[in-house]
Amino acid sequence: MKRCDATVHRSRRLPTALWAASLLCCAGLLAPAATAAADESAGSSRAQAVTFEDNFDGPAGSAVDGGRWQLETGDNVNNHESQYYTPGADNAALDGNGNLVITARKENPRDYQCWYGRCEYTSARLNTAERFNAQYGHVETRLKVPRGQGMWPAFWMLGADFGQVGWPASGEIDIMENVGYEPSTVHGTLHGPGYSGGNGIGAGYTLPGGEQFADGFHTFAVDWAPDRISWSVDGQVYQTRTPADTGGNPWVFNKPFFLILNLAVGGDWPGPPDGNTTFPQELVVDYVRVTTSD
């Protein structure tokens, strides 16, 4: 029997400092939102319209499609993460088999500097800001998480008005997060004004029988409608949130959001890698898709 555990998100996840600054200048250029309402069930039989899709097809070693994604660069002091997010295909590349591979390495070939000194790790973080915003629908990815203490993969969304109102007023929808010391559990969380950081609203989903998420691919999704968001793993809905869950604080999720994929190393929530953590580690993404019901 699969288990759902109430939880709170341990640490906020803000954009890197360099990219956040650029977003402040470009907030007015964000793409129009998809505006159809979503069906709550992950297995809905209603006709679907695909508003965003990337199957990561292309030659091995090539970079992601710049028409769909932009890469953030720099470190992230907000969560005290240890990695430097690199540009191009250095740490985010297609594998030639229809997957995007985000690779975390224990290296620093270009003398990158982080908030704590010379960076010890590199990785990648990409988003759809200025390229695609979603507003409602079924937002889904199929991926395989890395393994090991200190690993922190995530698929999530930030409000497209982040550059104007900041965080947490922008809102954040964490579709899937995993921390290495919980290999069998993923988390889905909402952050907004009055319920952010360690007070985020969410739940965990745990695989049965000691199975670990790094053992294979799994599908993670939210079904998002006005005043309602449901989370699912492999088609099984494990939590639903509405404005009734915010304790009287504003519900900030009836507006456009952009998508984010990243693999962090260390940070306040997962803690640092230890002597049992091997590198490189990979977040392997089969596809990302957003659909809306006709």
Protein backbone atom coordinates (compact mmCIF):
# COMPACT_ATOMS: atom_id res chain seq x y z
CA MET A 1 0.00 0.00 0.00
CA LYS A 2 1.42 3.38 -0.96
CA ARG A 3 1.67 5.89 1.87
CA CYS A 4 1.04 9.64 1.90
CA ASP A 5 2.69 11.58 4.72
CA ALA A 6 1.85 15.15 5.69
CA THR A 7 5.00 17.24 5.55
CA VAL A 8 6.33 20.75 5.25
CA HIS A 9 8.92 21.95 2.79
CA ARG A 10 12.19 22.49 4.65
CA SER A 11 13.74 25.20 2.52
CA ARG A 12 12.68 27.79 -0.02
CA ARG A 13 13.87 27.45 -3.60
CA LEU A 14 14.62 30.82 -5.21
CA PRO A 15 16.20 31.54 -8.58
CA THR A 16 19.94 32.07 -8.76
CA ALA A 17 21.01 35.64 -8.09
CA LEU A 18 22.17 36.37 -11.64
CA TRP A 19 19.05 35.04 -13.30
CA ALA A 20 16.73 36.69 -10.77
CA ALA A 21 18.21 40.06 -11.65
CA SER A 22 17.66 39.50 -15.36
CA LEU A 23 14.08 38.38 -14.76
CA LEU A 24 13.33 41.71 -13.09
CA CYS A 25 14.15 43.38 -16.40
CA CYS A 26 12.29 40.92 -18.59
CA ALA A 27 9.12 40.21 -16.61
CA GLY A 28 7.04 42.06 -19.16
CA LEU A 29 8.15 39.71 -21.94
CA LEU A 30 6.76 36.51 -20.44
CA ALA A 31 4.74 34.42 -22.88
CA PRO A 32 0.91 34.30 -22.83
CA ALA A 33 -0.64 31.72 -20.54
CA ALA A 34 -2.52 28.60 -21.44
CA THR A 35 -5.97 29.14 -19.92
CA ALA A 36 -8.06 25.94 -20.00
CA ALA A 37 -9.22 24.31 -16.75
CA ALA A 38 -7.75 20.97 -15.71
CA ASP A 39 -9.53 17.77 -14.79
CA GLU A 40 -8.58 16.63 -11.27
CA SER A 41 -8.05 12.98 -12.20
CA ALA A 42 -4.62 12.06 -13.58
CA GLY A 43 -6.31 9.48 -15.78
CA SER A 44 -8.91 11.75 -17.36
CA SER A 45 -10.45 10.45 -20.57
CA ARG A 46 -11.49 13.90 -21.81
CA ALA A 47 -9.93 15.25 -25.00
CA GLN A 48 -6.62 16.95 -24.31
CA ALA A 49 -4.86 19.81 -26.04
CA VAL A 50 -1.07 19.85 -25.68
CA THR A 51 0.14 23.38 -24.94
CA PHE A 52 3.78 22.51 -24.18
CA GLU A 53 5.81 19.39 -24.88
CA ASP A 54 9.47 18.47 -24.98
CA ASN A 55 10.47 14.86 -25.62
CA PHE A 56 14.17 15.77 -25.68
CA ASP A 57 14.83 14.21 -29.06
CA GLY A 58 18.13 15.11 -30.66
CA PRO A 59 21.76 14.08 -31.05
CA ALA A 60 23.69 12.93 -28.00
CA GLY A 61 25.54 15.79 -26.34
CA SER A 62 23.40 18.57 -27.78
CA ALA A 63 21.94 21.32 -25.63
CA VAL A 64 18.26 21.71 -24.82
CA ASP A 65 15.97 23.56 -27.21
CA GLY A 66 16.53 27.26 -26.56
CA GLY A 67 13.07 27.99 -27.89
CA ARG A 68 11.60 26.11 -24.95
CA TRP A 69 14.16 26.48 -22.15
CA GLN A 70 16.72 28.91 -20.82
CA LEU A 71 19.53 27.91 -18.48
CA GLU A 72 20.19 29.76 -15.26
CA THR A 73 23.80 30.23 -14.22
CA GLY A 74 25.47 30.89 -10.91
CA ASP A 75 25.26 29.63 -7.34
CA ASN A 76 22.31 29.75 -4.92
CA VAL A 77 22.98 31.24 -1.49
CA ASN A 78 19.24 31.28 -0.62
CA ASN A 79 19.25 27.54 0.12
CA HIS A 80 23.01 27.33 0.84
CA GLU A 81 23.39 24.91 -2.05
CA SER A 82 26.90 23.79 -3.01
CA GLN A 83 26.72 23.64 -6.82
CA TYR A 84 27.36 26.16 -9.57
CA TYR A 85 24.75 26.03 -12.35
CA THR A 86 26.58 26.09 -15.69
CA PRO A 87 25.51 27.29 -19.15
CA GLY A 88 25.18 25.38 -22.42
CA ALA A 89 25.46 21.61 -22.54
CA ASP A 90 28.13 21.28 -19.85
CA ASN A 91 25.72 19.82 -17.29
CA ALA A 92 22.42 19.58 -19.22
CA ALA A 93 22.51 17.65 -22.49
CA LEU A 94 20.43 15.25 -24.56
CA ASP A 95 21.56 11.61 -24.49
CA GLY A 96 20.50 10.71 -28.03
CA ASN A 97 17.84 8.30 -26.70
CA GLY A 98 15.07 10.81 -26.09
CA ASN A 99 16.17 11.97 -22.65
CA LEU A 100 17.54 15.10 -21.07
CA VAL A 101 20.33 14.33 -18.60
CA ILE A 102 21.12 16.91 -15.91
CA THR A 103 24.45 15.88 -14.40
CA ALA A 104 25.88 16.90 -11.05
CA ARG A 105 29.67 16.57 -10.91
CA LYS A 106 32.23 17.02 -8.18
CA GLU A 107 34.43 19.35 -10.19
CA ASN A 108 35.20 22.97 -10.97
CA PRO A 109 37.00 23.18 -14.30
CA ARG A 110 36.48 26.94 -14.75
CA ASP A 111 37.23 28.17 -11.22
CA TYR A 112 33.60 29.06 -10.51
CA GLN A 113 33.06 31.00 -7.28
CA CYS A 114 30.17 30.26 -4.93
CA TRP A 115 28.78 31.98 -1.85
CA TYR A 116 31.04 29.83 0.35
CA GLY A 117 34.20 30.20 -1.74
CA ARG A 118 35.49 28.13 -4.66
CA CYS A 119 32.60 25.93 -5.88
CA GLU A 120 32.98 22.19 -5.26
CA TYR A 121 30.25 20.96 -7.65
CA THR A 122 28.60 21.82 -10.96
CA SER A 123 25.06 21.08 -12.13
CA ALA A 124 22.25 22.66 -14.20
CA ARG A 125 18.94 24.43 -13.78
CA LEU A 126 16.58 25.36 -16.62
CA ASN A 127 13.25 27.13 -16.90
CA THR A 128 10.62 28.19 -19.44
CA ALA A 129 10.37 31.85 -18.37
CA GLU A 130 10.03 34.17 -21.39
CA ARG A 131 9.21 31.09 -23.49
CA PHE A 132 6.14 29.41 -21.98
CA ASN A 133 3.75 29.99 -19.08
CA ALA A 134 1.03 27.63 -17.95
CA GLN A 135 -2.20 28.58 -16.25
CA TYR A 136 -4.19 25.48 -15.29
CA GLY A 137 -4.01 22.07 -16.90
CA HIS A 138 -2.21 18.78 -16.39
CA VAL A 139 1.53 19.41 -15.89
CA GLU A 140 3.54 16.19 -16.11
CA THR A 141 7.05 14.79 -16.35
CA ARG A 142 8.49 11.29 -16.48
CA LEU A 143 11.95 11.10 -14.98
CA LYS A 144 14.45 9.14 -12.89
CA VAL A 145 16.01 10.84 -9.89
CA PRO A 146 19.66 10.51 -8.84
CA ARG A 147 20.79 8.63 -5.77
CA GLY A 148 22.79 9.64 -2.71
CA GLN A 149 22.98 11.87 0.33
CA GLY A 150 22.94 15.54 -0.63
CA MET A 151 21.11 15.14 -3.95
CA TRP A 152 18.10 17.42 -4.44
CA PRO A 153 16.28 17.06 -7.81
CA ALA A 154 13.11 19.04 -8.45
CA PHE A 155 10.40 19.76 -11.03
CA TRP A 156 8.47 22.87 -10.02
CA MET A 157 6.87 26.17 -11.05
CA LEU A 158 7.16 29.84 -10.10
CA GLY A 159 4.60 32.57 -10.66
CA ALA A 160 5.36 34.51 -13.85
CA ASP A 161 5.09 37.75 -11.86
CA PHE A 162 8.10 36.81 -9.73
CA GLY A 163 10.15 39.66 -11.17
CA GLN A 164 7.49 42.14 -10.10
CA VAL A 165 6.26 40.89 -6.72
CA GLY A 166 9.11 38.67 -5.51
CA TRP A 167 8.90 35.45 -3.54
CA PRO A 168 6.77 34.12 -1.90
CA ALA A 169 4.10 36.52 -3.20
CA SER A 170 4.70 35.05 -6.68
CA GLY A 171 3.70 31.60 -5.46
CA GLU A 172 5.60 28.34 -5.97
CA ILE A 173 4.20 24.93 -6.92
CA ASP A 174 6.63 22.09 -6.22
CA ILE A 175 5.42 19.19 -8.35
CA MET A 176 8.20 16.81 -7.32
CA GLU A 177 11.16 17.15 -4.96
CA ASN A 178 13.35 14.40 -3.58
CA VAL A 179 16.15 14.62 -1.03
CA GLY A 180 18.78 11.91 -1.02
CA TYR A 181 18.27 10.77 2.56
CA GLU A 182 14.65 9.85 1.68
CA PRO A 183 15.19 7.58 -1.34
CA SER A 184 11.64 6.20 -1.29
CA THR A 185 9.75 9.49 -0.83
CA VAL A 186 8.96 12.53 -2.96
CA HIS A 187 7.26 15.74 -1.87
CA GLY A 188 4.68 18.08 -3.39
CA THR A 189 4.39 21.53 -1.80
CA LEU A 190 2.80 24.97 -2.17
CA HIS A 191 4.55 28.18 -1.09
CA GLY A 192 2.88 31.56 -0.86
CA PRO A 193 2.59 34.58 1.43
CA GLY A 194 2.20 33.27 4.97
CA TYR A 195 3.04 29.65 4.09
CA SER A 196 6.54 29.54 2.66
CA GLY A 197 9.84 27.85 3.46
CA GLY A 198 9.42 25.51 6.42
CA ASN A 199 5.73 26.45 6.57
CA GLY A 200 4.94 25.31 3.03
CA ILE A 201 1.73 23.33 2.53
CA GLY A 202 2.19 19.83 1.15
CA ALA A 203 2.56 16.10 1.57
CA GLY A 204 4.96 13.28 0.83
CA TYR A 205 4.39 10.16 -1.25
CA THR A 206 6.30 6.98 -0.36
CA LEU A 207 6.80 3.91 -2.53
CA PRO A 208 5.92 0.52 -1.03
CA GLY A 209 8.25 -2.27 0.01
CA GLY A 210 11.42 -0.26 0.21
CA GLU A 211 11.45 0.56 -3.51
CA GLN A 212 13.50 3.66 -4.29
CA PHE A 213 12.69 6.36 -6.83
CA ALA A 214 16.23 6.16 -8.24
CA ASP A 215 15.57 2.53 -9.26
CA GLY A 216 13.57 3.57 -12.34
CA PHE A 217 11.42 6.14 -14.10
CA HIS A 218 8.25 7.49 -12.50
CA THR A 219 5.61 9.96 -13.64
CA PHE A 220 4.95 13.07 -11.55
CA ALA A 221 2.10 15.47 -12.23
CA VAL A 222 -0.27 18.10 -10.95
CA ASP A 223 -3.82 18.69 -12.11
CA TRP A 224 -4.39 22.40 -11.69
CA ALA A 225 -7.70 24.25 -11.87
CA PRO A 226 -8.99 27.50 -10.37
CA ASP A 227 -8.76 27.17 -6.56
CA ARG A 228 -7.67 23.52 -6.74
CA ILE A 229 -4.39 21.61 -7.27
CA SER A 230 -3.95 17.82 -7.06
CA TRP A 231 -0.65 15.90 -7.07
CA SER A 232 -0.09 12.40 -8.45
CA VAL A 233 2.68 9.84 -8.80
CA ASP A 234 2.32 7.24 -11.56
CA GLY A 235 -1.33 8.25 -11.94
CA GLN A 236 -2.25 7.94 -8.25
CA VAL A 237 -3.50 11.19 -6.70
CA TYR A 238 -2.05 11.60 -3.20
CA GLN A 239 -3.09 15.11 -2.15
CA THR A 240 -5.39 17.97 -3.17
CA ARG A 241 -5.09 21.55 -1.97
CA THR A 242 -7.57 24.45 -2.12
CA PRO A 243 -7.75 27.95 -0.60
CA ALA A 244 -9.16 26.31 2.53
CA ASP A 245 -5.65 24.99 3.25
CA THR A 246 -3.88 28.37 3.41
CA GLY A 247 -5.13 29.36 6.87
CA GLY A 248 -6.69 32.56 5.59
CA ASN A 249 -3.59 33.61 3.68
CA PRO A 250 -3.84 34.50 -0.03
CA TRP A 251 -4.19 31.73 -2.61
CA VAL A 252 -1.78 32.92 -5.31
CA PHE A 253 -2.17 30.12 -7.87
CA ASN A 254 -4.87 31.44 -10.23
CA LYS A 255 -2.38 33.03 -12.63
CA PRO A 256 0.42 32.06 -15.05
CA PHE A 257 3.46 30.08 -13.87
CA PHE A 258 6.61 28.94 -15.65
CA LEU A 259 8.30 25.53 -15.35
CA ILE A 260 11.67 24.70 -13.74
CA LEU A 261 13.87 21.59 -13.74
CA ASN A 262 17.03 21.42 -11.64
CA LEU A 263 19.42 19.21 -9.73
CA ALA A 264 20.90 20.84 -6.63
CA VAL A 265 23.76 19.50 -4.55
CA GLY A 266 23.55 20.08 -0.82
CA GLY A 267 21.53 22.83 0.78
CA ASP A 268 19.65 23.41 4.00
CA TRP A 269 17.09 20.67 3.41
CA PRO A 270 19.09 17.70 2.02
CA GLY A 271 22.36 18.51 3.77
CA PRO A 272 25.77 18.04 2.11
CA PRO A 273 26.97 14.93 0.29
CA ASP A 274 28.86 12.47 2.46
CA GLY A 275 31.54 9.84 1.92
CA ASN A 276 28.98 7.41 0.48
CA THR A 277 27.78 9.81 -2.24
CA THR A 278 29.30 8.98 -5.61
CA PHE A 279 29.67 11.36 -8.57
CA PRO A 280 28.61 12.05 -11.21
CA GLN A 281 24.88 11.81 -10.41
CA GLU A 282 22.16 12.19 -13.04
CA LEU A 283 18.58 13.44 -13.21
CA VAL A 284 17.25 11.76 -16.37
CA VAL A 285 14.11 13.35 -17.88
CA ASP A 286 12.08 11.46 -20.49
CA TYR A 287 9.60 14.26 -21.26
CA VAL A 288 7.81 17.33 -19.95
CA ARG A 289 4.24 17.94 -21.09
CA VAL A 290 1.42 20.37 -20.31
CA THR A 291 -2.10 19.54 -21.50
CA THR A 292 -5.45 21.22 -21.05
CA SER A 293 -8.92 19.68 -21.28
CA ASP A 294 -11.12 20.70 -24.16
